[in-house]
Amino acid sequence: MNEYRPTPYERSGYGASGEVVRNRVLRNTYWLLALSLIPTVLGAAVGLYSGLNQVMGTSPMVSSILFLVGAFGMMFLIEKNKDSSLGVVLLLAFTFFMGIMLSRILGFVMNFSNGSQLVMTAFGGTAVVFGTMATLATTIKRDLSGLSKWLFAGAMVILVAAVANIFLQMTGIMLMVSTLAVVIFSAFMLVDLQRVVNGGETNYVSATLAIYLDVYNVFANLLALLGIFGGDRE
């Protein structure tokens, strides 16, 4: 029995098709990621100017529960509808919600006299991290997906420590959590970007959600560290 082997034409056609799909997912992911920053900024502005950030600051336990329930609930809905336009709408609504949640740390930092400078520094630092991880994702040939389970375990440790610190209110734990979060979510960013670059992720809504969470956590925790070490109350 003759073994079937694709002709050079068929092989090149398959490769070209896979490359087209991969490039389309990557392009749409970057566009949707950039678009998601707009509702994030709007949500942060609503949180700051409506005073919601102060309400969350006075009730950290309630705001943490609201954050976890709201975030995980909306992420579940996004994944359920990722193949339709509703998934995009839900993703943008999610980033608006995350912007409101971000207003708490923004309000804390903006109370410093150099608060605006710290926010811009955190934004610039996050952009550098993203650019570095995006470059590495296209140059590293080794498959890094095996790191995901270890990074997920680290993220769970961070979550537990952060929740515990709501009651303990220890600066040392906050510093540890923020430092580890920057490292772990930077690594997550590399893994998630490489998965898109290599064609392992074929849905741009799911890809955008994962990378957005990486960027969000890196920015928020860089901002927390800058507020602790660089905040000027004079």
Foldseek 3Di string as FASTA:
>chain_A
DDDDDDDPVVVVVVVVVLVVLLVVLLVLLVVLLVVLVVLLQVLLVCLQVVVVLVVCVVVVLVLVVVCVCVLVVLVVVLVVCLPDVVSSVSSSVNSNVVSNVLNNLLVLQVLFPCSVVLLVVLVVVLVVLLVVLLVCLVVDPDQPLVCVVVLVVLVVVLVVLVSVCVVVVDPVSLLVSLVSLLVSLSVQLNNLSNCSNVSVDSGSSVSNVSNSVSSSSNSSSSSVVCSVPPGHRD
